[in-house]
Amino acid sequence: QLVESGGGLVQPGGSLKLACVASGFTLEYYSIAWFRQAPGKE
C-alpha cells in the first residue's frame, strides 16, 4: 500500500513537498516513481 500526502494550492514560484508512505513492504527494495496526470492528459 502507498499513501501520498502533501498536495495543495500554491502560487507560481512556490514550493510543496509530497510524501509517499509505504506499508506492507520494505520500500528500500523497490523503485519508486512519481507520476502526474492533468485533466484531459495522459
PDB file of all heavy atoms in Angstrom:
ATOM      1  N   GLN A   1       0.841  -1.188   0.000  1.00  0.00           N
ATOM      2  CA  GLN A   1       0.000   0.000   0.000  1.00  0.00           C
ATOM      3  C   GLN A   1       0.880   1.242   0.000  1.00  0.00           C
ATOM      4  O   GLN A   1       1.892   1.301   0.697  1.00  0.00           O
ATOM      5  CB  GLN A   1      -0.924   0.009   1.216  1.00  0.00           C
ATOM      6  CG  GLN A   1      -1.992   1.088   1.180  1.00  0.00           C
ATOM      7  CD  GLN A   1      -3.007   0.937   2.307  1.00  0.00           C
ATOM      8  OE1 GLN A   1      -2.749   0.284   3.299  1.00  0.00           O
ATOM      9  NE2 GLN A   1      -4.175   1.539   2.117  1.00  0.00           N
ATOM     10  N   LEU A   2       0.458   2.230  -0.786  1.00  0.00           N
ATOM     11  CA  LEU A   2       1.140   3.513  -0.861  1.00  0.00           C
ATOM     12  C   LEU A   2       0.131   4.616  -0.576  1.00  0.00           C
ATOM     13  O   LEU A   2      -0.996   4.569  -1.091  1.00  0.00           O
ATOM     14  CB  LEU A   2       1.748   3.720  -2.250  1.00  0.00           C
ATOM     15  CG  LEU A   2       2.815   2.722  -2.698  1.00  0.00           C
ATOM     16  CD1 LEU A   2       3.118   2.897  -4.177  1.00  0.00           C
ATOM     17  CD2 LEU A   2       4.078   2.893  -1.878  1.00  0.00           C
ATOM     18  N   VAL A   3       0.534   5.591   0.214  1.00  0.00           N
ATOM     19  CA  VAL A   3      -0.339   6.708   0.545  1.00  0.00           C
ATOM     20  C   VAL A   3       0.431   8.006   0.339  1.00  0.00           C
ATOM     21  O   VAL A   3       1.468   8.219   0.979  1.00  0.00           O
ATOM     22  CB  VAL A   3      -0.856   6.625   1.989  1.00  0.00           C
ATOM     23  CG1 VAL A   3      -1.730   7.831   2.307  1.00  0.00           C
ATOM     24  CG2 VAL A   3      -1.649   5.331   2.198  1.00  0.00           C
ATOM     25  N   GLU A   4      -0.100   8.853  -0.558  1.00  0.00           N
ATOM     26  CA  GLU A   4       0.521  10.144  -0.814  1.00  0.00           C
ATOM     27  C   GLU A   4      -0.102  11.219   0.076  1.00  0.00           C
ATOM     28  O   GLU A   4      -1.266  11.129   0.476  1.00  0.00           O
ATOM     29  CB  GLU A   4       0.330  10.577  -2.274  1.00  0.00           C
ATOM     30  CG  GLU A   4       0.848   9.627  -3.329  1.00  0.00           C
ATOM     31  CD  GLU A   4      -0.227   8.704  -3.857  1.00  0.00           C
ATOM     32  OE1 GLU A   4      -1.211   8.474  -3.140  1.00  0.00           O
ATOM     33  OE2 GLU A   4      -0.094   8.197  -4.979  1.00  0.00           O
ATOM     34  N   SER A   5       0.680  12.245   0.337  1.00  0.00           N
ATOM     35  CA  SER A   5       0.196  13.414   1.071  1.00  0.00           C
ATOM     36  C   SER A   5       1.056  14.608   0.693  1.00  0.00           C
ATOM     37  O   SER A   5       2.098  14.459   0.049  1.00  0.00           O
ATOM     38  CB  SER A   5       0.256  13.173   2.585  1.00  0.00           C
ATOM     39  OG  SER A   5       1.601  12.994   3.001  1.00  0.00           O
ATOM     40  N   GLY A   6       0.591  15.789   1.082  1.00  0.00           N
ATOM     41  CA  GLY A   6       1.372  16.994   0.865  1.00  0.00           C
ATOM     42  C   GLY A   6       0.895  17.886  -0.263  1.00  0.00           C
ATOM     43  O   GLY A   6       1.450  18.972  -0.467  1.00  0.00           O
ATOM     44  N   GLY A   7      -0.098  17.439  -0.999  1.00  0.00           N
ATOM     45  CA  GLY A   7      -0.606  18.268  -2.070  1.00  0.00           C
ATOM     46  C   GLY A   7      -1.341  19.487  -1.536  1.00  0.00           C
ATOM     47  O   GLY A   7      -1.598  19.608  -0.335  1.00  0.00           O
ATOM     48  N   GLY A   8      -1.660  20.410  -2.439  1.00  0.00           N
ATOM     49  CA  GLY A   8      -2.387  21.600  -2.032  1.00  0.00           C
ATOM     50  C   GLY A   8      -2.341  22.663  -3.093  1.00  0.00           C
ATOM     51  O   GLY A   8      -2.023  22.405  -4.252  1.00  0.00           O
ATOM     52  N   LEU A   9      -2.661  23.865  -2.663  1.00  0.00           N
ATOM     53  CA  LEU A   9      -2.720  25.024  -3.538  1.00  0.00           C
ATOM     54  C   LEU A   9      -1.480  25.881  -3.278  1.00  0.00           C
ATOM     55  O   LEU A   9      -1.150  26.176  -2.123  1.00  0.00           O
ATOM     56  CB  LEU A   9      -3.993  25.821  -3.238  1.00  0.00           C
ATOM     57  CG  LEU A   9      -4.347  26.970  -4.152  1.00  0.00           C
ATOM     58  CD1 LEU A   9      -4.733  26.438  -5.526  1.00  0.00           C
ATOM     59  CD2 LEU A   9      -5.509  27.772  -3.554  1.00  0.00           C
ATOM     60  N   VAL A  10      -0.811  26.282  -4.363  1.00  0.00           N
ATOM     61  CA  VAL A  10       0.402  27.085  -4.232  1.00  0.00           C
ATOM     62  C   VAL A  10       0.461  28.088  -5.373  1.00  0.00           C
ATOM     63  O   VAL A  10      -0.071  27.831  -6.462  1.00  0.00           O
ATOM     64  CB  VAL A  10       1.652  26.172  -4.214  1.00  0.00           C
ATOM     65  CG1 VAL A  10       1.827  25.447  -5.539  1.00  0.00           C
ATOM     66  CG2 VAL A  10       2.899  26.942  -3.822  1.00  0.00           C
ATOM     67  N   GLN A  11       1.095  29.207  -5.125  1.00  0.00           N
ATOM     68  CA  GLN A  11       1.257  30.216  -6.164  1.00  0.00           C
ATOM     69  C   GLN A  11       2.470  29.886  -7.036  1.00  0.00           C
ATOM     70  O   GLN A  11       3.387  29.172  -6.603  1.00  0.00           O
ATOM     71  CB  GLN A  11       1.448  31.590  -5.534  1.00  0.00           C
ATOM     72  CG  GLN A  11       0.223  32.119  -4.831  1.00  0.00           C
ATOM     73  CD  GLN A  11       0.410  33.525  -4.312  1.00  0.00           C
ATOM     74  OE1 GLN A  11       1.526  33.958  -4.033  1.00  0.00           O
ATOM     75  NE2 GLN A  11      -0.689  34.264  -4.174  1.00  0.00           N
ATOM     76  N   PRO A  12       2.498  30.377  -8.256  1.00  0.00           N
ATOM     77  CA  PRO A  12       3.683  30.192  -9.103  1.00  0.00           C
ATOM     78  C   PRO A  12       4.944  30.674  -8.395  1.00  0.00           C
ATOM     79  O   PRO A  12       4.939  31.724  -7.731  1.00  0.00           O
ATOM     80  CB  PRO A  12       3.375  31.045 -10.329  1.00  0.00           C
ATOM     81  CG  PRO A  12       1.889  31.079 -10.396  1.00  0.00           C
ATOM     82  CD  PRO A  12       1.418  31.106  -8.973  1.00  0.00           C
ATOM     83  N   GLY A  13       5.990  29.886  -8.519  1.00  0.00           N
ATOM     84  CA  GLY A  13       7.232  30.181  -7.814  1.00  0.00           C
ATOM     85  C   GLY A  13       7.317  29.571  -6.437  1.00  0.00           C
ATOM     86  O   GLY A  13       8.396  29.573  -5.826  1.00  0.00           O
ATOM     87  N   GLY A  14       6.203  29.042  -5.949  1.00  0.00           N
ATOM     88  CA  GLY A  14       6.169  28.454  -4.616  1.00  0.00           C
ATOM     89  C   GLY A  14       6.669  27.026  -4.591  1.00  0.00           C
ATOM     90  O   GLY A  14       7.117  26.476  -5.607  1.00  0.00           O
ATOM     91  N   SER A  15       6.579  26.415  -3.397  1.00  0.00           N
ATOM     92  CA  SER A  15       7.097  25.068  -3.183  1.00  0.00           C
ATOM     93  C   SER A  15       6.086  24.201  -2.453  1.00  0.00           C
ATOM     94  O   SER A  15       5.273  24.693  -1.671  1.00  0.00           O
ATOM     95  CB  SER A  15       8.391  25.120  -2.351  1.00  0.00           C
ATOM     96  OG  SER A  15       9.404  25.850  -2.998  1.00  0.00           O
ATOM     97  N   LEU A  16       6.164  22.910  -2.728  1.00  0.00           N
ATOM     98  CA  LEU A  16       5.432  21.891  -1.993  1.00  0.00           C
ATOM     99  C   LEU A  16       6.333  20.677  -1.847  1.00  0.00           C
ATOM    100  O   LEU A  16       7.196  20.437  -2.700  1.00  0.00           O
ATOM    101  CB  LEU A  16       4.154  21.475  -2.721  1.00  0.00           C
ATOM    102  CG  LEU A  16       2.937  22.394  -2.670  1.00  0.00           C
ATOM    103  CD1 LEU A  16       1.829  21.825  -3.559  1.00  0.00           C
ATOM    104  CD2 LEU A  16       2.425  22.575  -1.257  1.00  0.00           C
ATOM    105  N   LYS A  17       6.091  19.900  -0.800  1.00  0.00           N
ATOM    106  CA  LYS A  17       6.817  18.656  -0.623  1.00  0.00           C
ATOM    107  C   LYS A  17       5.819  17.525  -0.455  1.00  0.00           C
ATOM    108  O   LYS A  17       5.033  17.512   0.502  1.00  0.00           O
ATOM    109  CB  LYS A  17       7.738  18.720   0.595  1.00  0.00           C
ATOM    110  CG  LYS A  17       8.655  17.499   0.729  1.00  0.00           C
ATOM    111  CD  LYS A  17       9.653  17.690   1.863  1.00  0.00           C
ATOM    112  CE  LYS A  17      10.655  16.545   1.948  1.00  0.00           C
ATOM    113  NZ  LYS A  17      11.665  16.746   3.012  1.00  0.00           N
ATOM    114  N   LEU A  18       5.816  16.620  -1.400  1.00  0.00           N
ATOM    115  CA  LEU A  18       4.934  15.464  -1.349  1.00  0.00           C
ATOM    116  C   LEU A  18       5.631  14.309  -0.631  1.00  0.00           C
ATOM    117  O   LEU A  18       6.858  14.165  -0.707  1.00  0.00           O
ATOM    118  CB  LEU A  18       4.546  15.020  -2.752  1.00  0.00           C
ATOM    119  CG  LEU A  18       3.943  16.077  -3.670  1.00  0.00           C
ATOM    120  CD1 LEU A  18       3.546  15.435  -5.005  1.00  0.00           C
ATOM    121  CD2 LEU A  18       2.757  16.763  -3.024  1.00  0.00           C
ATOM    122  N   ALA A  19       4.837  13.492   0.031  1.00  0.00           N
ATOM    123  CA  ALA A  19       5.355  12.299   0.693  1.00  0.00           C
ATOM    124  C   ALA A  19       4.580  11.075   0.223  1.00  0.00           C
ATOM    125  O   ALA A  19       3.379  11.157  -0.022  1.00  0.00           O
ATOM    126  CB  ALA A  19       5.256  12.431   2.214  1.00  0.00           C
ATOM    127  N   CYS A  20       5.268   9.990   0.105  1.00  0.00           N
ATOM    128  CA  CYS A  20       4.672   8.705  -0.280  1.00  0.00           C
ATOM    129  C   CYS A  20       5.105   7.690   0.769  1.00  0.00           C
ATOM    130  O   CYS A  20       6.274   7.305   0.816  1.00  0.00           O
ATOM    131  CB  CYS A  20       5.156   8.306  -1.665  1.00  0.00           C
ATOM    132  SG  CYS A  20       4.686   6.635  -2.190  1.00  0.00           S
ATOM    133  N   VAL A  21       4.149   7.290   1.608  1.00  0.00           N
ATOM    134  CA  VAL A  21       4.451   6.354   2.686  1.00  0.00           C
ATOM    135  C   VAL A  21       4.016   4.953   2.278  1.00  0.00           C
ATOM    136  O   VAL A  21       2.879   4.756   1.839  1.00  0.00           O
ATOM    137  CB  VAL A  21       3.739   6.764   3.987  1.00  0.00           C
ATOM    138  CG1 VAL A  21       4.054   5.779   5.101  1.00  0.00           C
ATOM    139  CG2 VAL A  21       4.155   8.169   4.397  1.00  0.00           C
ATOM    140  N   ALA A  22       4.928   4.010   2.428  1.00  0.00           N
ATOM    141  CA  ALA A  22       4.655   2.628   2.049  1.00  0.00           C
ATOM    142  C   ALA A  22       4.333   1.784   3.281  1.00  0.00           C
ATOM    143  O   ALA A  22       4.887   1.988   4.356  1.00  0.00           O
ATOM    144  CB  ALA A  22       5.863   2.031   1.336  1.00  0.00           C
ATOM    145  N   SER A  23       3.447   0.841   3.089  1.00  0.00           N
ATOM    146  CA  SER A  23       3.145  -0.127   4.136  1.00  0.00           C
ATOM    147  C   SER A  23       2.952  -1.490   3.504  1.00  0.00           C
ATOM    148  O   SER A  23       2.590  -1.599   2.334  1.00  0.00           O
ATOM    149  CB  SER A  23       1.890   0.264   4.933  1.00  0.00           C
ATOM    150  OG  SER A  23       0.766   0.319   4.079  1.00  0.00           O
ATOM    151  N   GLY A  24       3.250  -2.524   4.263  1.00  0.00           N
ATOM    152  CA  GLY A  24       3.116  -3.876   3.749  1.00  0.00           C
ATOM    153  C   GLY A  24       4.339  -4.375   3.010  1.00  0.00           C
ATOM    154  O   GLY A  24       4.370  -5.535   2.586  1.00  0.00           O
ATOM    155  N   PHE A  25       5.331  -3.516   2.830  1.00  0.00           N
ATOM    156  CA  PHE A  25       6.569  -3.930   2.190  1.00  0.00           C
ATOM    157  C   PHE A  25       7.683  -2.973   2.586  1.00  0.00           C
ATOM    158  O   PHE A  25       7.436  -1.878   3.069  1.00  0.00           O
ATOM    159  CB  PHE A  25       6.414  -3.990   0.663  1.00  0.00           C
ATOM    160  CG  PHE A  25       6.197  -2.656  -0.014  1.00  0.00           C
ATOM    161  CD1 PHE A  25       7.228  -2.039  -0.708  1.00  0.00           C
ATOM    162  CD2 PHE A  25       4.966  -2.025   0.038  1.00  0.00           C
ATOM    163  CE1 PHE A  25       7.033  -0.819  -1.332  1.00  0.00           C
ATOM    164  CE2 PHE A  25       4.762  -0.806  -0.585  1.00  0.00           C
ATOM    165  CZ  PHE A  25       5.795  -0.202  -1.278  1.00  0.00           C
ATOM    166  N   THR A  26       8.910  -3.415   2.374  1.00  0.00           N
ATOM    167  CA  THR A  26      10.079  -2.598   2.704  1.00  0.00           C
ATOM    168  C   THR A  26      10.470  -1.792   1.484  1.00  0.00           C
ATOM    169  O   THR A  26      10.963  -2.322   0.493  1.00  0.00           O
ATOM    170  CB  THR A  26      11.248  -3.477   3.152  1.00  0.00           C
ATOM    171  OG1 THR A  26      10.836  -4.264   4.277  1.00  0.00           O
ATOM    172  CG2 THR A  26      12.439  -2.599   3.563  1.00  0.00           C
ATOM    173  N   LEU A  27      10.237  -0.503   1.572  1.00  0.00           N
ATOM    174  CA  LEU A  27      10.359   0.382   0.422  1.00  0.00           C
ATOM    175  C   LEU A  27      11.757   0.391  -0.184  1.00  0.00           C
ATOM    176  O   LEU A  27      11.914   0.576  -1.388  1.00  0.00           O
ATOM    177  CB  LEU A  27       9.916   1.789   0.840  1.00  0.00           C
ATOM    178  CG  LEU A  27       9.803   2.855  -0.225  1.00  0.00           C
ATOM    179  CD1 LEU A  27       8.618   3.735   0.064  1.00  0.00           C
ATOM    180  CD2 LEU A  27      11.078   3.658  -0.293  1.00  0.00           C
ATOM    181  N   GLU A  28      12.788   0.182   0.630  1.00  0.00           N
ATOM    182  CA  GLU A  28      14.155   0.331   0.116  1.00  0.00           C
ATOM    183  C   GLU A  28      14.482  -0.716  -0.935  1.00  0.00           C
ATOM    184  O   GLU A  28      15.439  -0.538  -1.689  1.00  0.00           O
ATOM    185  CB  GLU A  28      15.157   0.262   1.260  1.00  0.00           C
ATOM    186  CG  GLU A  28      15.287  -1.077   1.934  1.00  0.00           C
ATOM    187  CD  GLU A  28      16.368  -1.058   3.009  1.00  0.00           C
ATOM    188  OE1 GLU A  28      17.530  -0.842   2.648  1.00  0.00           O
ATOM    189  OE2 GLU A  28      16.031  -1.274   4.179  1.00  0.00           O
ATOM    190  N   TYR A  29      13.714  -1.786  -1.032  1.00  0.00           N
ATOM    191  CA  TYR A  29      13.965  -2.820  -2.021  1.00  0.00           C
ATOM    192  C   TYR A  29      13.192  -2.596  -3.318  1.00  0.00           C
ATOM    193  O   TYR A  29      13.249  -3.431  -4.224  1.00  0.00           O
ATOM    194  CB  TYR A  29      13.626  -4.191  -1.448  1.00  0.00           C
ATOM    195  CG  TYR A  29      14.417  -4.529  -0.211  1.00  0.00           C
ATOM    196  CD1 TYR A  29      13.772  -4.911   0.975  1.00  0.00           C
ATOM    197  CD2 TYR A  29      15.801  -4.450  -0.197  1.00  0.00           C
ATOM    198  CE1 TYR A  29      14.496  -5.210   2.118  1.00  0.00           C
ATOM    199  CE2 TYR A  29      16.528  -4.743   0.940  1.00  0.00           C
ATOM    200  CZ  TYR A  29      15.880  -5.122   2.095  1.00  0.00           C
ATOM    201  OH  TYR A  29      16.588  -5.409   3.222  1.00  0.00           O
ATOM    202  N   TYR A  30      12.500  -1.471  -3.397  1.00  0.00           N
ATOM    203  CA  TYR A  30      11.681  -1.175  -4.563  1.00  0.00           C
ATOM    204  C   TYR A  30      12.103   0.152  -5.193  1.00  0.00           C
ATOM    205  O   TYR A  30      12.609   1.044  -4.524  1.00  0.00           O
ATOM    206  CB  TYR A  30      10.203  -1.074  -4.164  1.00  0.00           C
ATOM    207  CG  TYR A  30       9.563  -2.409  -3.862  1.00  0.00           C
ATOM    208  CD1 TYR A  30       9.830  -3.077  -2.670  1.00  0.00           C
ATOM    209  CD2 TYR A  30       8.686  -3.006  -4.767  1.00  0.00           C
ATOM    210  CE1 TYR A  30       9.261  -4.306  -2.390  1.00  0.00           C
ATOM    211  CE2 TYR A  30       8.095  -4.222  -4.489  1.00  0.00           C
ATOM    212  CZ  TYR A  30       8.394  -4.866  -3.304  1.00  0.00           C
ATOM    213  OH  TYR A  30       7.817  -6.081  -3.034  1.00  0.00           O
ATOM    214  N   SER A  31      11.875   0.239  -6.484  1.00  0.00           N
ATOM    215  CA  SER A  31      11.990   1.522  -7.149  1.00  0.00           C
ATOM    216  C   SER A  31      10.664   2.254  -6.992  1.00  0.00           C
ATOM    217  O   SER A  31       9.594   1.649  -7.115  1.00  0.00           O
ATOM    218  CB  SER A  31      12.315   1.330  -8.627  1.00  0.00           C
ATOM    219  OG  SER A  31      13.575   0.710  -8.786  1.00  0.00           O
ATOM    220  N   ILE A  32      10.765   3.537  -6.749  1.00  0.00           N
ATOM    221  CA  ILE A  32       9.582   4.370  -6.547  1.00  0.00           C
ATOM    222  C   ILE A  32       9.585   5.502  -7.560  1.00  0.00           C
ATOM    223  O   ILE A  32      10.611   6.162  -7.752  1.00  0.00           O
ATOM    224  CB  ILE A  32       9.548   4.958  -5.132  1.00  0.00           C
ATOM    225  CG1 ILE A  32       9.648   3.847  -4.075  1.00  0.00           C
ATOM    226  CG2 ILE A  32       8.281   5.785  -4.937  1.00  0.00           C
ATOM    227  CD1 ILE A  32       8.497   2.883  -4.067  1.00  0.00           C
ATOM    228  N   ALA A  33       8.459   5.692  -8.179  1.00  0.00           N
ATOM    229  CA  ALA A  33       8.316   6.775  -9.155  1.00  0.00           C
ATOM    230  C   ALA A  33       7.164   7.685  -8.765  1.00  0.00           C
ATOM    231  O   ALA A  33       6.205   7.258  -8.125  1.00  0.00           O
ATOM    232  CB  ALA A  33       8.073   6.213 -10.543  1.00  0.00           C
ATOM    233  N   TRP A  34       7.296   8.929  -9.175  1.00  0.00           N
ATOM    234  CA  TRP A  34       6.181   9.877  -9.096  1.00  0.00           C
ATOM    235  C   TRP A  34       5.677  10.093 -10.525  1.00  0.00           C
ATOM    236  O   TRP A  34       6.466  10.360 -11.434  1.00  0.00           O
ATOM    237  CB  TRP A  34       6.626  11.202  -8.503  1.00  0.00           C
ATOM    238  CG  TRP A  34       6.835  11.155  -7.028  1.00  0.00           C
ATOM    239  CD1 TRP A  34       8.014  10.966  -6.366  1.00  0.00           C
ATOM    240  CD2 TRP A  34       5.836  11.298  -6.015  1.00  0.00           C
ATOM    241  NE1 TRP A  34       7.806  10.986  -5.008  1.00  0.00           N
ATOM    242  CE2 TRP A  34       6.477  11.189  -4.766  1.00  0.00           C
ATOM    243  CE3 TRP A  34       4.457  11.518  -6.037  1.00  0.00           C
ATOM    244  CZ2 TRP A  34       5.793  11.285  -3.557  1.00  0.00           C
ATOM    245  CZ3 TRP A  34       3.771  11.612  -4.839  1.00  0.00           C
ATOM    246  CH2 TRP A  34       4.433  11.495  -3.611  1.00  0.00           C
ATOM    247  N   PHE A  35       4.376   9.971 -10.666  1.00  0.00           N
ATOM    248  CA  PHE A  35       3.685  10.284 -11.909  1.00  0.00           C
ATOM    249  C   PHE A  35       2.717  11.432 -11.628  1.00  0.00           C
ATOM    250  O   PHE A  35       2.383  11.715 -10.472  1.00  0.00           O
ATOM    251  CB  PHE A  35       2.877   9.073 -12.401  1.00  0.00           C
ATOM    252  CG  PHE A  35       3.694   7.954 -12.966  1.00  0.00           C
ATOM    253  CD1 PHE A  35       4.366   7.069 -12.129  1.00  0.00           C
ATOM    254  CD2 PHE A  35       3.776   7.755 -14.330  1.00  0.00           C
ATOM    255  CE1 PHE A  35       5.120   6.027 -12.646  1.00  0.00           C
ATOM    256  CE2 PHE A  35       4.511   6.703 -14.864  1.00  0.00           C
ATOM    257  CZ  PHE A  35       5.182   5.839 -14.016  1.00  0.00           C
ATOM    258  N   ARG A  36       2.264  12.056 -12.688  1.00  0.00           N
ATOM    259  CA  ARG A  36       1.215  13.066 -12.534  1.00  0.00           C
ATOM    260  C   ARG A  36       0.264  12.989 -13.711  1.00  0.00           C
ATOM    261  O   ARG A  36       0.638  12.554 -14.810  1.00  0.00           O
ATOM    262  CB  ARG A  36       1.802  14.468 -12.400  1.00  0.00           C
ATOM    263  CG  ARG A  36       2.502  15.003 -13.640  1.00  0.00           C
ATOM    264  CD  ARG A  36       3.161  16.346 -13.344  1.00  0.00           C
ATOM    265  NE  ARG A  36       3.827  16.903 -14.515  1.00  0.00           N
ATOM    266  CZ  ARG A  36       4.562  18.004 -14.473  1.00  0.00           C
ATOM    267  NH1 ARG A  36       4.727  18.689 -13.326  1.00  0.00           N
ATOM    268  NH2 ARG A  36       5.144  18.453 -15.569  1.00  0.00           N
ATOM    269  N   GLN A  37      -0.963  13.407 -13.458  1.00  0.00           N
ATOM    270  CA  GLN A  37      -1.974  13.404 -14.503  1.00  0.00           C
ATOM    271  C   GLN A  37      -2.803  14.666 -14.405  1.00  0.00           C
ATOM    272  O   GLN A  37      -3.489  14.889 -13.406  1.00  0.00           O
ATOM    273  CB  GLN A  37      -2.856  12.165 -14.404  1.00  0.00           C
ATOM    274  CG  GLN A  37      -3.795  11.993 -15.579  1.00  0.00           C
ATOM    275  CD  GLN A  37      -4.394  10.602 -15.636  1.00  0.00           C
ATOM    276  OE1 GLN A  37      -4.417   9.869 -14.644  1.00  0.00           O
ATOM    277  NE2 GLN A  37      -4.897  10.222 -16.804  1.00  0.00           N
ATOM    278  N   ALA A  38      -2.723  15.471 -15.448  1.00  0.00           N
ATOM    279  CA  ALA A  38      -3.511  16.693 -15.528  1.00  0.00           C
ATOM    280  C   ALA A  38      -4.835  16.369 -16.231  1.00  0.00           C
ATOM    281  O   ALA A  38      -4.908  15.387 -16.984  1.00  0.00           O
ATOM    282  CB  ALA A  38      -2.739  17.755 -16.292  1.00  0.00           C
ATOM    283  N   PRO A  39      -5.860  17.186 -16.026  1.00  0.00           N
ATOM    284  CA  PRO A  39      -7.150  16.924 -16.663  1.00  0.00           C
ATOM    285  C   PRO A  39      -7.013  16.819 -18.175  1.00  0.00           C
ATOM    286  O   PRO A  39      -6.388  17.672 -18.816  1.00  0.00           O
ATOM    287  CB  PRO A  39      -7.985  18.139 -16.262  1.00  0.00           C
ATOM    288  CG  PRO A  39      -7.380  18.598 -14.983  1.00  0.00           C
ATOM    289  CD  PRO A  39      -5.907  18.341 -15.122  1.00  0.00           C
ATOM    290  N   GLY A  40      -7.573  15.764 -18.741  1.00  0.00           N
ATOM    291  CA  GLY A  40      -7.551  15.588 -20.183  1.00  0.00           C
ATOM    292  C   GLY A  40      -6.238  15.102 -20.755  1.00  0.00           C
ATOM    293  O   GLY A  40      -6.094  14.994 -21.985  1.00  0.00           O
ATOM    294  N   LYS A  41      -5.275  14.817 -19.895  1.00  0.00           N
ATOM    295  CA  LYS A  41      -3.968  14.368 -20.363  1.00  0.00           C
ATOM    296  C   LYS A  41      -3.650  12.980 -19.822  1.00  0.00           C
ATOM    297  O   LYS A  41      -4.236  12.518 -18.855  1.00  0.00           O
ATOM    298  CB  LYS A  41      -2.886  15.352 -19.944  1.00  0.00           C
ATOM    299  CG  LYS A  41      -3.009  16.719 -20.597  1.00  0.00           C
ATOM    300  CD  LYS A  41      -1.808  17.581 -20.295  1.00  0.00           C
ATOM    301  CE  LYS A  41      -1.888  18.922 -21.004  1.00  0.00           C
ATOM    302  NZ  LYS A  41      -0.689  19.760 -20.720  1.00  0.00           N
ATOM    303  N   GLU A  42      -2.697  12.327 -20.461  1.00  0.00           N
ATOM    304  CA  GLU A  42      -2.252  11.023 -20.007  1.00  0.00           C
ATOM    305  C   GLU A  42      -1.355  11.161 -18.784  1.00  0.00           C
ATOM    306  O   GLU A  42      -0.741  12.202 -18.549  1.00  0.00           O
ATOM    307  CB  GLU A  42      -1.503  10.308 -21.139  1.00  0.00           C
ATOM    308  CG  GLU A  42      -2.373   9.955 -22.332  1.00  0.00           C
ATOM    309  CD  GLU A  42      -1.634   9.110 -23.350  1.00  0.00           C
ATOM    310  OE1 GLU A  42      -0.422   8.924 -23.204  1.00  0.00           O
ATOM    311  OE2 GLU A  42      -2.286   8.628 -24.297  1.00  0.00           O
TER     312      GLU A  42
END
